[in-house]
Amino acid sequence: MTQENVSNQGKGAIFDLDGTLLDSMGVWDQVDVDFLAKRGFEVPDDYMQKVAAMQFRQIAEYTIARFNLSDTPEELMEEWDHMARVMYSTVVEAKPHAREYLATLKASGAKLSVATSLPPMLREPAMRHVGIFDYFDEVVSVDDAGDIGKDRPDVYLLAASRLGLEPTDCTVFEDLLVGMRSAKSVGMRVWAMHDDSSDADWPAICALADGVIFDFHDAPAVL
């Protein structure tokens, strides 16, 4: 990462936020705990894994069905938004050495994009809070890609397109196996960031990814 005179001109890096650049999965764990506790439930062991790749509304619909709640999806999403907005703008932290790595890539000539499932009301406050917002040329979400989740490559392709790059010139940094598979399917390189929420998939992630990291200090200097 600290190599001098490295050039990444004509290359792009596409970053997931939750669990990749942001050490934020604990935020959602706490939201789940607090939300379900108010309704008399504990969080089931498989809940986070079930909803990890879903879009926001899908999670609301799944939660209502699973716990037989009387809330509407809109009511759930509004309550979750309020709980999460406070935590994302005040509590969430960047993964170790994330800021330094983004600065290094930017200086090397790489174009940078975010590809996330987070809505704007959460992603921008979090990115500003941890000091990474200004490094990015583009920020796209699954909503921008036609409400298509990361089980398909649309959001990664949209990010590459907005950067003006071919998919094969892009490297994706992601913590979700389903997202890695999608990015690889369109010829992108993939570096996996370890996150506790993906522990169950770690062997498959290691087999699929071009590289794995636990800290951005070990991320590749050349994309």
C-alpha atoms as a PDB file:
ATOM      1  CA  MET A   1       0.000   0.000   0.000  1.00  0.00           C
ATOM      2  CA  THR A   2       2.871   2.360   0.681  1.00  0.00           C
ATOM      3  CA  GLN A   3       4.759   1.719  -2.541  1.00  0.00           C
ATOM      4  CA  GLU A   4       5.878   4.932  -4.207  1.00  0.00           C
ATOM      5  CA  ASN A   5       5.267   5.852  -7.854  1.00  0.00           C
ATOM      6  CA  VAL A   6       2.494   3.268  -8.244  1.00  0.00           C
ATOM      7  CA  SER A   7       0.126   4.180 -11.067  1.00  0.00           C
ATOM      8  CA  ASN A   8      -3.468   3.028 -11.242  1.00  0.00           C
ATOM      9  CA  GLN A   9      -4.424   5.279 -14.145  1.00  0.00           C
ATOM     10  CA  GLY A  10      -7.329   3.750 -16.074  1.00  0.00           C
ATOM     11  CA  LYS A  11      -8.273   1.538 -13.136  1.00  0.00           C
ATOM     12  CA  GLY A  12     -11.190   1.685 -10.755  1.00  0.00           C
ATOM     13  CA  ALA A  13     -11.848   0.554  -7.206  1.00  0.00           C
ATOM     14  CA  ILE A  14     -15.442  -0.097  -6.173  1.00  0.00           C
ATOM     15  CA  PHE A  15     -16.125  -0.328  -2.448  1.00  0.00           C
ATOM     16  CA  ASP A  16     -18.994  -1.715  -0.446  1.00  0.00           C
ATOM     17  CA  LEU A  17     -19.696   0.280   2.720  1.00  0.00           C
ATOM     18  CA  ASP A  18     -21.287  -1.873   5.439  1.00  0.00           C
ATOM     19  CA  GLY A  19     -18.719  -4.345   6.712  1.00  0.00           C
ATOM     20  CA  THR A  20     -16.083  -3.288   4.167  1.00  0.00           C
ATOM     21  CA  LEU A  21     -15.161   0.382   4.546  1.00  0.00           C
ATOM     22  CA  LEU A  22     -17.347   0.854   7.601  1.00  0.00           C
ATOM     23  CA  ASP A  23     -17.089  -1.217  10.738  1.00  0.00           C
ATOM     24  CA  SER A  24     -20.844  -0.919  10.933  1.00  0.00           C
ATOM     25  CA  MET A  25     -22.413  -4.348  11.035  1.00  0.00           C
ATOM     26  CA  GLY A  26     -22.584  -4.031  14.808  1.00  0.00           C
ATOM     27  CA  VAL A  27     -24.882  -1.050  14.264  1.00  0.00           C
ATOM     28  CA  TRP A  28     -27.458  -3.248  12.592  1.00  0.00           C
ATOM     29  CA  ASP A  29     -26.971  -5.958  15.183  1.00  0.00           C
ATOM     30  CA  GLN A  30     -27.884  -3.420  17.855  1.00  0.00           C
ATOM     31  CA  VAL A  31     -30.809  -2.075  15.839  1.00  0.00           C
ATOM     32  CA  ASP A  32     -32.116  -5.631  15.475  1.00  0.00           C
ATOM     33  CA  VAL A  33     -31.691  -6.344  19.177  1.00  0.00           C
ATOM     34  CA  ASP A  34     -33.411  -3.137  20.261  1.00  0.00           C
ATOM     35  CA  PHE A  35     -36.170  -3.337  17.663  1.00  0.00           C
ATOM     36  CA  LEU A  36     -37.128  -6.938  18.363  1.00  0.00           C
ATOM     37  CA  ALA A  37     -36.746  -6.572  22.136  1.00  0.00           C
ATOM     38  CA  LYS A  38     -39.420  -3.871  22.086  1.00  0.00           C
ATOM     39  CA  ARG A  39     -41.718  -6.479  20.548  1.00  0.00           C
ATOM     40  CA  GLY A  40     -40.775  -9.261  22.926  1.00  0.00           C
ATOM     41  CA  PHE A  41     -38.405 -11.216  20.674  1.00  0.00           C
ATOM     42  CA  GLU A  42     -34.744 -12.159  20.741  1.00  0.00           C
ATOM     43  CA  VAL A  43     -32.754 -12.082  17.504  1.00  0.00           C
ATOM     44  CA  PRO A  44     -32.615 -15.606  15.997  1.00  0.00           C
ATOM     45  CA  ASP A  45     -29.151 -16.964  15.249  1.00  0.00           C
ATOM     46  CA  ASP A  46     -29.801 -17.124  11.497  1.00  0.00           C
ATOM     47  CA  TYR A  47     -31.526 -13.743  11.115  1.00  0.00           C
ATOM     48  CA  MET A  48     -28.541 -11.615  10.051  1.00  0.00           C
ATOM     49  CA  GLN A  49     -27.383 -14.190   7.519  1.00  0.00           C
ATOM     50  CA  LYS A  50     -30.895 -14.449   6.059  1.00  0.00           C
ATOM     51  CA  VAL A  51     -31.240 -10.713   5.482  1.00  0.00           C
ATOM     52  CA  ALA A  52     -27.628  -9.832   4.620  1.00  0.00           C
ATOM     53  CA  ALA A  53     -28.119  -9.593   0.846  1.00  0.00           C
ATOM     54  CA  MET A  54     -31.706  -8.315   0.882  1.00  0.00           C
ATOM     55  CA  GLN A  55     -32.791  -4.795   0.041  1.00  0.00           C
ATOM     56  CA  PHE A  56     -34.251  -2.658   2.805  1.00  0.00           C
ATOM     57  CA  ARG A  57     -37.903  -3.228   1.952  1.00  0.00           C
ATOM     58  CA  GLN A  58     -37.343  -6.950   1.482  1.00  0.00           C
ATOM     59  CA  ILE A  59     -35.886  -7.111   5.001  1.00  0.00           C
ATOM     60  CA  ALA A  60     -38.949  -5.311   6.363  1.00  0.00           C
ATOM     61  CA  GLU A  61     -41.315  -7.684   4.593  1.00  0.00           C
ATOM     62  CA  TYR A  62     -39.333 -10.731   5.716  1.00  0.00           C
ATOM     63  CA  THR A  63     -39.239  -9.505   9.330  1.00  0.00           C
ATOM     64  CA  ILE A  64     -42.988  -8.888   9.403  1.00  0.00           C
ATOM     65  CA  ALA A  65     -43.671 -12.347   8.035  1.00  0.00           C
ATOM     66  CA  ARG A  66     -41.176 -14.139  10.265  1.00  0.00           C
ATOM     67  CA  PHE A  67     -42.341 -12.550  13.527  1.00  0.00           C
ATOM     68  CA  ASN A  68     -45.989 -12.082  12.557  1.00  0.00           C
ATOM     69  CA  LEU A  69     -45.812  -8.337  13.217  1.00  0.00           C
ATOM     70  CA  SER A  70     -48.694  -5.929  12.726  1.00  0.00           C
ATOM     71  CA  ASP A  71     -46.406  -3.164  11.434  1.00  0.00           C
ATOM     72  CA  THR A  72     -46.393  -2.167   7.771  1.00  0.00           C
ATOM     73  CA  PRO A  73     -43.094  -2.298   5.828  1.00  0.00           C
ATOM     74  CA  GLU A  74     -43.134   1.507   5.733  1.00  0.00           C
ATOM     75  CA  GLU A  75     -43.448   1.730   9.516  1.00  0.00           C
ATOM     76  CA  LEU A  76     -40.586  -0.699  10.034  1.00  0.00           C
ATOM     77  CA  MET A  77     -38.325   1.092   7.589  1.00  0.00           C
ATOM     78  CA  GLU A  78     -39.068   4.472   9.183  1.00  0.00           C
ATOM     79  CA  GLU A  79     -38.293   3.137  12.664  1.00  0.00           C
ATOM     80  CA  TRP A  80     -35.090   1.438  11.489  1.00  0.00           C
ATOM     81  CA  ASP A  81     -34.047   4.576   9.597  1.00  0.00           C
ATOM     82  CA  HIS A  82     -34.395   6.716  12.691  1.00  0.00           C
ATOM     83  CA  MET A  83     -32.465   4.262  14.889  1.00  0.00           C
ATOM     84  CA  ALA A  84     -29.724   3.740  12.335  1.00  0.00           C
ATOM     85  CA  ARG A  85     -29.380   7.394  11.312  1.00  0.00           C
ATOM     86  CA  VAL A  86     -28.324   8.351  14.806  1.00  0.00           C
ATOM     87  CA  MET A  87     -25.749   5.558  15.013  1.00  0.00           C
ATOM     88  CA  TYR A  88     -24.328   6.011  11.500  1.00  0.00           C
ATOM     89  CA  SER A  89     -23.757   9.728  12.001  1.00  0.00           C
ATOM     90  CA  THR A  90     -22.228   9.480  15.486  1.00  0.00           C
ATOM     91  CA  VAL A  91     -21.000   5.986  16.403  1.00  0.00           C
ATOM     92  CA  VAL A  92     -19.872   4.041  13.329  1.00  0.00           C
ATOM     93  CA  GLU A  93     -16.129   3.883  12.585  1.00  0.00           C
ATOM     94  CA  ALA A  94     -14.045   3.188   9.482  1.00  0.00           C
ATOM     95  CA  LYS A  95     -12.283  -0.142   9.104  1.00  0.00           C
ATOM     96  CA  PRO A  96      -8.593   0.035  10.086  1.00  0.00           C
ATOM     97  CA  HIS A  97      -6.485   2.098   7.630  1.00  0.00           C
ATOM     98  CA  ALA A  98      -9.438   2.645   5.274  1.00  0.00           C
ATOM     99  CA  ARG A  99      -8.848   6.396   4.991  1.00  0.00           C
ATOM    100  CA  GLU A 100      -5.142   5.977   4.338  1.00  0.00           C
ATOM    101  CA  TYR A 101      -5.789   3.380   1.650  1.00  0.00           C
ATOM    102  CA  LEU A 102      -8.356   5.531  -0.141  1.00  0.00           C
ATOM    103  CA  ALA A 103      -5.930   8.462  -0.096  1.00  0.00           C
ATOM    104  CA  THR A 104      -3.187   6.258  -1.553  1.00  0.00           C
ATOM    105  CA  LEU A 105      -5.438   4.967  -4.348  1.00  0.00           C
ATOM    106  CA  LYS A 106      -6.631   8.466  -5.173  1.00  0.00           C
ATOM    107  CA  ALA A 107      -3.046   9.712  -5.400  1.00  0.00           C
ATOM    108  CA  SER A 108      -2.164   6.796  -7.707  1.00  0.00           C
ATOM    109  CA  GLY A 109      -4.743   7.928 -10.286  1.00  0.00           C
ATOM    110  CA  ALA A 110      -7.427   5.338  -9.606  1.00  0.00           C
ATOM    111  CA  LYS A 111     -11.076   6.270  -9.886  1.00  0.00           C
ATOM    112  CA  LEU A 112     -13.109   5.402  -6.806  1.00  0.00           C
ATOM    113  CA  SER A 113     -16.741   4.496  -6.364  1.00  0.00           C
ATOM    114  CA  VAL A 114     -19.004   3.213  -3.627  1.00  0.00           C
ATOM    115  CA  ALA A 115     -21.527   0.469  -4.451  1.00  0.00           C
ATOM    116  CA  THR A 116     -23.806  -0.027  -1.491  1.00  0.00           C
ATOM    117  CA  SER A 117     -27.209  -1.150  -0.303  1.00  0.00           C
ATOM    118  CA  LEU A 118     -27.370   1.749   2.149  1.00  0.00           C
ATOM    119  CA  PRO A 119     -29.865   4.553   1.396  1.00  0.00           C
ATOM    120  CA  PRO A 120     -28.523   8.132   1.025  1.00  0.00           C
ATOM    121  CA  MET A 121     -29.816   9.173   4.461  1.00  0.00           C
ATOM    122  CA  LEU A 122     -27.414   6.669   6.051  1.00  0.00           C
ATOM    123  CA  ARG A 123     -24.454   6.465   3.714  1.00  0.00           C
ATOM    124  CA  GLU A 124     -23.561  10.129   3.368  1.00  0.00           C
ATOM    125  CA  PRO A 125     -23.648  10.977   7.101  1.00  0.00           C
ATOM    126  CA  ALA A 126     -21.570   7.866   7.848  1.00  0.00           C
ATOM    127  CA  MET A 127     -19.011   8.621   5.126  1.00  0.00           C
ATOM    128  CA  ARG A 128     -18.670  12.203   6.331  1.00  0.00           C
ATOM    129  CA  HIS A 129     -18.476  11.125   9.965  1.00  0.00           C
ATOM    130  CA  VAL A 130     -15.495   8.828   9.301  1.00  0.00           C
ATOM    131  CA  GLY A 131     -13.834  11.237   6.864  1.00  0.00           C
ATOM    132  CA  ILE A 132     -13.973   9.318   3.572  1.00  0.00           C
ATOM    133  CA  PHE A 133     -16.730  11.065   1.600  1.00  0.00           C
ATOM    134  CA  ASP A 134     -14.490  13.341  -0.470  1.00  0.00           C
ATOM    135  CA  TYR A 135     -12.313  10.541  -1.845  1.00  0.00           C
ATOM    136  CA  PHE A 136     -15.036   9.170  -4.121  1.00  0.00           C
ATOM    137  CA  ASP A 137     -15.807  10.074  -7.707  1.00  0.00           C
ATOM    138  CA  GLU A 138     -19.153   8.264  -7.612  1.00  0.00           C
ATOM    139  CA  VAL A 139     -21.536   6.819  -5.033  1.00  0.00           C
ATOM    140  CA  VAL A 140     -24.158   4.368  -6.292  1.00  0.00           C
ATOM    141  CA  SER A 141     -26.644   2.129  -4.551  1.00  0.00           C
ATOM    142  CA  VAL A 142     -28.838  -0.822  -5.419  1.00  0.00           C
ATOM    143  CA  ASP A 143     -31.701   1.693  -5.653  1.00  0.00           C
ATOM    144  CA  ASP A 144     -29.887   3.469  -8.492  1.00  0.00           C
ATOM    145  CA  ALA A 145     -29.513   0.100 -10.233  1.00  0.00           C
ATOM    146  CA  GLY A 146     -33.252  -0.511 -10.442  1.00  0.00           C
ATOM    147  CA  ASP A 147     -33.754  -1.907  -6.935  1.00  0.00           C
ATOM    148  CA  ILE A 148     -31.710  -4.964  -7.882  1.00  0.00           C
ATOM    149  CA  GLY A 149     -29.766  -6.478  -5.000  1.00  0.00           C
ATOM    150  CA  LYS A 150     -26.168  -7.629  -4.931  1.00  0.00           C
ATOM    151  CA  ASP A 151     -27.136 -11.149  -5.917  1.00  0.00           C
ATOM    152  CA  ARG A 152     -26.893  -9.667  -9.422  1.00  0.00           C
ATOM    153  CA  PRO A 153     -24.036  -7.516 -10.739  1.00  0.00           C
ATOM    154  CA  ASP A 154     -26.089  -4.474 -11.762  1.00  0.00           C
ATOM    155  CA  VAL A 155     -24.867  -2.124  -9.023  1.00  0.00           C
ATOM    156  CA  TYR A 156     -21.208  -2.961  -9.749  1.00  0.00           C
ATOM    157  CA  LEU A 157     -21.741  -2.500 -13.488  1.00  0.00           C
ATOM    158  CA  LEU A 158     -23.423   0.840 -12.837  1.00  0.00           C
ATOM    159  CA  ALA A 159     -20.479   1.958 -10.724  1.00  0.00           C
ATOM    160  CA  ALA A 160     -18.012   0.993 -13.457  1.00  0.00           C
ATOM    161  CA  SER A 161     -20.101   2.765 -16.095  1.00  0.00           C
ATOM    162  CA  ARG A 162     -20.268   5.978 -14.089  1.00  0.00           C
ATOM    163  CA  LEU A 163     -16.499   5.848 -13.630  1.00  0.00           C
ATOM    164  CA  GLY A 164     -16.161   5.492 -17.395  1.00  0.00           C
ATOM    165  CA  LEU A 165     -14.397   2.138 -17.068  1.00  0.00           C
ATOM    166  CA  GLU A 166     -14.820  -1.405 -18.332  1.00  0.00           C
ATOM    167  CA  PRO A 167     -15.726  -4.016 -15.715  1.00  0.00           C
ATOM    168  CA  THR A 168     -12.413  -5.780 -16.319  1.00  0.00           C
ATOM    169  CA  ASP A 169     -10.570  -2.606 -15.259  1.00  0.00           C
ATOM    170  CA  CYS A 170     -12.291  -2.554 -11.872  1.00  0.00           C
ATOM    171  CA  THR A 171     -11.517  -4.152  -8.522  1.00  0.00           C
ATOM    172  CA  VAL A 172     -14.346  -4.638  -6.041  1.00  0.00           C
ATOM    173  CA  PHE A 173     -13.815  -4.604  -2.279  1.00  0.00           C
ATOM    174  CA  GLU A 174     -16.658  -6.470  -0.608  1.00  0.00           C
ATOM    175  CA  ASP A 175     -17.469  -8.507   2.491  1.00  0.00           C
ATOM    176  CA  LEU A 176     -20.532 -10.397   1.220  1.00  0.00           C
ATOM    177  CA  LEU A 177     -20.043 -13.641  -0.693  1.00  0.00           C
ATOM    178  CA  VAL A 178     -23.130 -13.043  -2.820  1.00  0.00           C
ATOM    179  CA  GLY A 179     -21.736  -9.686  -3.936  1.00  0.00           C
ATOM    180  CA  MET A 180     -18.335 -11.166  -4.700  1.00  0.00           C
ATOM    181  CA  ARG A 181     -19.903 -13.795  -6.917  1.00  0.00           C
ATOM    182  CA  SER A 182     -21.815 -11.131  -8.834  1.00  0.00           C
ATOM    183  CA  ALA A 183     -18.729  -8.969  -9.352  1.00  0.00           C
ATOM    184  CA  LYS A 184     -16.622 -11.923 -10.469  1.00  0.00           C
ATOM    185  CA  SER A 185     -19.339 -12.975 -12.929  1.00  0.00           C
ATOM    186  CA  VAL A 186     -18.756  -9.804 -14.987  1.00  0.00           C
ATOM    187  CA  GLY A 187     -14.958 -10.038 -14.978  1.00  0.00           C
ATOM    188  CA  MET A 188     -14.101  -7.805 -12.040  1.00  0.00           C
ATOM    189  CA  ARG A 189     -11.330  -8.594  -9.593  1.00  0.00           C
ATOM    190  CA  VAL A 190     -12.472  -9.039  -6.019  1.00  0.00           C
ATOM    191  CA  TRP A 191     -10.714  -8.424  -2.740  1.00  0.00           C
ATOM    192  CA  ALA A 192     -12.560  -9.685   0.306  1.00  0.00           C
ATOM    193  CA  MET A 193     -12.653  -7.716   3.542  1.00  0.00           C
ATOM    194  CA  HIS A 194     -13.199  -9.954   6.539  1.00  0.00           C
ATOM    195  CA  ASP A 195     -16.193  -9.077   8.652  1.00  0.00           C
ATOM    196  CA  ASP A 196     -17.599 -11.102  11.526  1.00  0.00           C
ATOM    197  CA  SER A 197     -21.002 -11.169   9.836  1.00  0.00           C
ATOM    198  CA  SER A 198     -19.531 -13.271   6.995  1.00  0.00           C
ATOM    199  CA  ASP A 199     -17.691 -15.824   9.143  1.00  0.00           C
ATOM    200  CA  ALA A 200     -19.977 -18.653   8.018  1.00  0.00           C
ATOM    201  CA  ASP A 201     -19.008 -17.995   4.387  1.00  0.00           C
ATOM    202  CA  TRP A 202     -15.302 -17.366   4.977  1.00  0.00           C
ATOM    203  CA  PRO A 203     -14.005 -20.643   3.441  1.00  0.00           C
ATOM    204  CA  ALA A 204     -16.032 -20.014   0.271  1.00  0.00           C
ATOM    205  CA  ILE A 205     -14.944 -16.377   0.227  1.00  0.00           C
ATOM    206  CA  CYS A 206     -11.270 -17.364   0.445  1.00  0.00           C
ATOM    207  CA  ALA A 207     -11.720 -19.814  -2.426  1.00  0.00           C
ATOM    208  CA  LEU A 208     -13.421 -17.235  -4.661  1.00  0.00           C
ATOM    209  CA  ALA A 209     -11.667 -13.923  -4.008  1.00  0.00           C
ATOM    210  CA  ASP A 210      -8.469 -12.734  -5.679  1.00  0.00           C
ATOM    211  CA  GLY A 211      -7.236 -11.746  -2.243  1.00  0.00           C
ATOM    212  CA  VAL A 212      -8.450 -11.363   1.333  1.00  0.00           C
ATOM    213  CA  ILE A 213      -7.688  -8.707   3.924  1.00  0.00           C
ATOM    214  CA  PHE A 214      -8.451  -8.058   7.571  1.00  0.00           C
ATOM    215  CA  ASP A 215      -7.058  -4.517   7.483  1.00  0.00           C
ATOM    216  CA  PHE A 216      -6.647  -2.052   4.597  1.00  0.00           C
ATOM    217  CA  HIS A 217      -2.947  -1.806   5.460  1.00  0.00           C
ATOM    218  CA  ASP A 218      -2.676  -5.105   3.564  1.00  0.00           C
ATOM    219  CA  ALA A 219      -4.776  -4.052   0.553  1.00  0.00           C
ATOM    220  CA  PRO A 220      -3.164  -4.121  -2.905  1.00  0.00           C
ATOM    221  CA  ALA A 221      -1.151  -1.111  -4.088  1.00  0.00           C
ATOM    222  CA  VAL A 222      -1.800  -2.071  -7.719  1.00  0.00           C
ATOM    223  CA  LEU A 223      -5.384  -2.686  -8.804  1.00  0.00           C
END
